[in-house]
Amino acid sequence: MAHWLQTLQNAVIDGDKSEVESLVNTALSQKQPADEILYAGLIAAMKEVGERFERGDFYVPEG
């Protein structure tokens, strides 16, 4: 996996909204495919968040 994708996933998992926004904008400006950003970065990270939540290893705050 590309380093930038792992960094993006980590930012999503950590809930770092400003870092996610910055990484997505950087990836787009570097002509990374939007579908790769979405599926391999954002959705993959949210899947991990969901799995951790289901196991009780992760808390997702409201709001």
N, C-alpha and C. Protein backbone atom coordinates (compact mmCIF):
# COMPACT_ATOMS: atom_id res chain seq x y z
N MET A 1 0.85 -1.18 0.00
CA MET A 1 0.00 0.00 0.00
C MET A 1 0.89 1.24 0.00
N ALA A 2 0.47 2.21 -0.76
CA ALA A 2 1.21 3.47 -0.84
C ALA A 2 1.20 4.16 0.53
N HIS A 3 2.30 4.80 0.83
CA HIS A 3 2.47 5.47 2.12
C HIS A 3 1.36 6.51 2.36
N TRP A 4 1.00 7.26 1.32
CA TRP A 4 0.00 8.30 1.50
C TRP A 4 -1.37 7.71 1.84
N LEU A 5 -1.66 6.51 1.31
CA LEU A 5 -2.93 5.87 1.63
C LEU A 5 -2.96 5.44 3.09
N GLN A 6 -1.87 4.87 3.56
CA GLN A 6 -1.80 4.46 4.96
C GLN A 6 -1.92 5.67 5.88
N THR A 7 -1.28 6.76 5.51
CA THR A 7 -1.36 7.99 6.30
C THR A 7 -2.79 8.51 6.33
N LEU A 8 -3.46 8.45 5.18
CA LEU A 8 -4.86 8.88 5.10
C LEU A 8 -5.74 8.00 5.97
N GLN A 9 -5.57 6.70 5.88
CA GLN A 9 -6.35 5.78 6.70
C GLN A 9 -6.13 6.05 8.18
N ASN A 10 -4.90 6.25 8.57
CA ASN A 10 -4.60 6.52 9.98
C ASN A 10 -5.28 7.80 10.45
N ALA A 11 -5.29 8.82 9.61
CA ALA A 11 -5.94 10.09 9.97
C ALA A 11 -7.44 9.89 10.16
N VAL A 12 -8.06 9.09 9.28
CA VAL A 12 -9.50 8.80 9.42
C VAL A 12 -9.75 8.05 10.72
N ILE A 13 -8.97 7.02 10.96
CA ILE A 13 -9.14 6.20 12.17
C ILE A 13 -8.94 7.05 13.43
N ASP A 14 -8.00 7.98 13.38
CA ASP A 14 -7.73 8.86 14.52
C ASP A 14 -8.75 9.98 14.65
N GLY A 15 -9.60 10.14 13.63
CA GLY A 15 -10.62 11.19 13.67
C GLY A 15 -10.06 12.58 13.46
N ASP A 16 -8.95 12.67 12.75
CA ASP A 16 -8.29 13.96 12.52
C ASP A 16 -8.83 14.59 11.24
N LYS A 17 -9.93 15.30 11.38
CA LYS A 17 -10.64 15.87 10.23
C LYS A 17 -9.76 16.78 9.38
N SER A 18 -9.00 17.66 10.02
CA SER A 18 -8.19 18.60 9.24
C SER A 18 -7.07 17.88 8.49
N GLU A 19 -6.50 16.85 9.09
CA GLU A 19 -5.46 16.07 8.40
C GLU A 19 -6.06 15.29 7.23
N VAL A 20 -7.24 14.72 7.41
CA VAL A 20 -7.90 14.00 6.32
C VAL A 20 -8.15 14.95 5.16
N GLU A 21 -8.69 16.12 5.46
CA GLU A 21 -8.97 17.11 4.41
C GLU A 21 -7.68 17.50 3.68
N SER A 22 -6.64 17.75 4.42
CA SER A 22 -5.36 18.13 3.81
C SER A 22 -4.80 17.02 2.93
N LEU A 23 -4.84 15.79 3.43
CA LEU A 23 -4.31 14.65 2.67
C LEU A 23 -5.12 14.41 1.40
N VAL A 24 -6.44 14.52 1.48
CA VAL A 24 -7.28 14.33 0.29
C VAL A 24 -6.99 15.43 -0.73
N ASN A 25 -6.90 16.67 -0.28
CA ASN A 25 -6.59 17.77 -1.21
C ASN A 25 -5.22 17.58 -1.86
N THR A 26 -4.25 17.16 -1.08
CA THR A 26 -2.91 16.91 -1.63
C THR A 26 -2.95 15.79 -2.65
N ALA A 27 -3.64 14.71 -2.32
CA ALA A 27 -3.72 13.57 -3.25
C ALA A 27 -4.39 14.00 -4.55
N LEU A 28 -5.46 14.77 -4.45
CA LEU A 28 -6.15 15.23 -5.66
C LEU A 28 -5.25 16.15 -6.49
N SER A 29 -4.51 17.03 -5.82
CA SER A 29 -3.62 17.94 -6.55
C SER A 29 -2.48 17.19 -7.22
N GLN A 30 -2.13 16.02 -6.68
CA GLN A 30 -1.08 15.19 -7.28
C GLN A 30 -1.65 14.18 -8.28
N LYS A 31 -2.91 14.39 -8.64
CA LYS A 31 -3.59 13.58 -9.66
C LYS A 31 -3.79 12.12 -9.26
N GLN A 32 -3.91 11.87 -7.95
CA GLN A 32 -4.26 10.52 -7.52
C GLN A 32 -5.72 10.29 -7.92
N PRO A 33 -6.05 9.09 -8.38
CA PRO A 33 -7.44 8.84 -8.79
C PRO A 33 -8.42 8.99 -7.62
N ALA A 34 -9.50 9.70 -7.85
CA ALA A 34 -10.49 9.94 -6.81
C ALA A 34 -11.06 8.64 -6.27
N ASP A 35 -11.26 7.64 -7.15
CA ASP A 35 -11.81 6.38 -6.67
C ASP A 35 -10.83 5.66 -5.75
N GLU A 36 -9.54 5.82 -5.97
CA GLU A 36 -8.54 5.22 -5.08
C GLU A 36 -8.56 5.92 -3.72
N ILE A 37 -8.67 7.24 -3.73
CA ILE A 37 -8.75 7.99 -2.48
C ILE A 37 -9.98 7.53 -1.69
N LEU A 38 -11.09 7.43 -2.38
CA LEU A 38 -12.34 7.07 -1.73
C LEU A 38 -12.33 5.63 -1.22
N TYR A 39 -12.07 4.67 -2.11
CA TYR A 39 -12.20 3.26 -1.74
C TYR A 39 -11.02 2.72 -0.95
N ALA A 40 -9.80 2.99 -1.38
CA ALA A 40 -8.62 2.44 -0.72
C ALA A 40 -8.23 3.26 0.51
N GLY A 41 -8.67 4.50 0.56
CA GLY A 41 -8.32 5.36 1.68
C GLY A 41 -9.46 5.52 2.66
N LEU A 42 -10.47 6.27 2.27
CA LEU A 42 -11.54 6.65 3.19
C LEU A 42 -12.45 5.49 3.59
N ILE A 43 -12.96 4.76 2.63
CA ILE A 43 -13.88 3.67 2.95
C ILE A 43 -13.17 2.53 3.67
N ALA A 44 -11.95 2.22 3.26
CA ALA A 44 -11.19 1.17 3.95
C ALA A 44 -10.97 1.53 5.41
N ALA A 45 -10.67 2.80 5.67
CA ALA A 45 -10.46 3.23 7.06
C ALA A 45 -11.76 3.16 7.86
N MET A 46 -12.87 3.57 7.25
CA MET A 46 -14.15 3.51 7.96
C MET A 46 -14.58 2.06 8.22
N LYS A 47 -14.20 1.16 7.33
CA LYS A 47 -14.47 -0.26 7.58
C LYS A 47 -13.71 -0.72 8.83
N GLU A 48 -12.47 -0.30 8.95
CA GLU A 48 -11.67 -0.63 10.13
C GLU A 48 -12.29 -0.03 11.39
N VAL A 49 -12.75 1.20 11.31
CA VAL A 49 -13.41 1.83 12.46
C VAL A 49 -14.64 1.02 12.86
N GLY A 50 -15.43 0.61 11.89
CA GLY A 50 -16.62 -0.19 12.16
C GLY A 50 -16.30 -1.52 12.81
N GLU A 51 -15.26 -2.18 12.33
CA GLU A 51 -14.86 -3.47 12.90
C GLU A 51 -14.38 -3.30 14.34
N ARG A 52 -13.60 -2.26 14.59
CA ARG A 52 -13.13 -2.00 15.96
C ARG A 52 -14.30 -1.67 16.88
N PHE A 53 -15.26 -0.92 16.37
CA PHE A 53 -16.44 -0.56 17.15
C PHE A 53 -17.24 -1.81 17.51
N GLU A 54 -17.44 -2.69 16.54
CA GLU A 54 -18.19 -3.93 16.79
C GLU A 54 -17.52 -4.82 17.83
N ARG A 55 -16.20 -4.82 17.85
CA ARG A 55 -15.45 -5.62 18.83
C ARG A 55 -15.42 -4.95 20.20
N GLY A 56 -15.85 -3.71 20.27
CA GLY A 56 -15.80 -2.97 21.52
C GLY A 56 -14.43 -2.38 21.80
N ASP A 57 -13.59 -2.33 20.78
CA ASP A 57 -12.23 -1.79 20.93
C ASP A 57 -12.17 -0.30 20.60
N PHE A 58 -13.28 0.25 20.20
CA PHE A 58 -13.26 1.61 19.67
C PHE A 58 -14.57 2.29 20.04
N TYR A 59 -14.49 3.54 20.39
CA TYR A 59 -15.68 4.33 20.69
C TYR A 59 -15.83 5.40 19.63
N VAL A 60 -17.01 5.51 19.07
CA VAL A 60 -17.29 6.54 18.07
C VAL A 60 -18.18 7.59 18.72
N PRO A 61 -17.63 8.77 19.01
CA PRO A 61 -18.44 9.81 19.67
C PRO A 61 -19.52 10.36 18.75
N GLU A 62 -20.59 10.84 19.35
CA GLU A 62 -21.64 11.48 18.57
C GLU A 62 -21.31 12.95 18.42
N GLY A 63 -21.71 13.49 17.24
CA GLY A 63 -21.55 14.92 17.02
C GLY A 63 -20.21 15.27 16.68
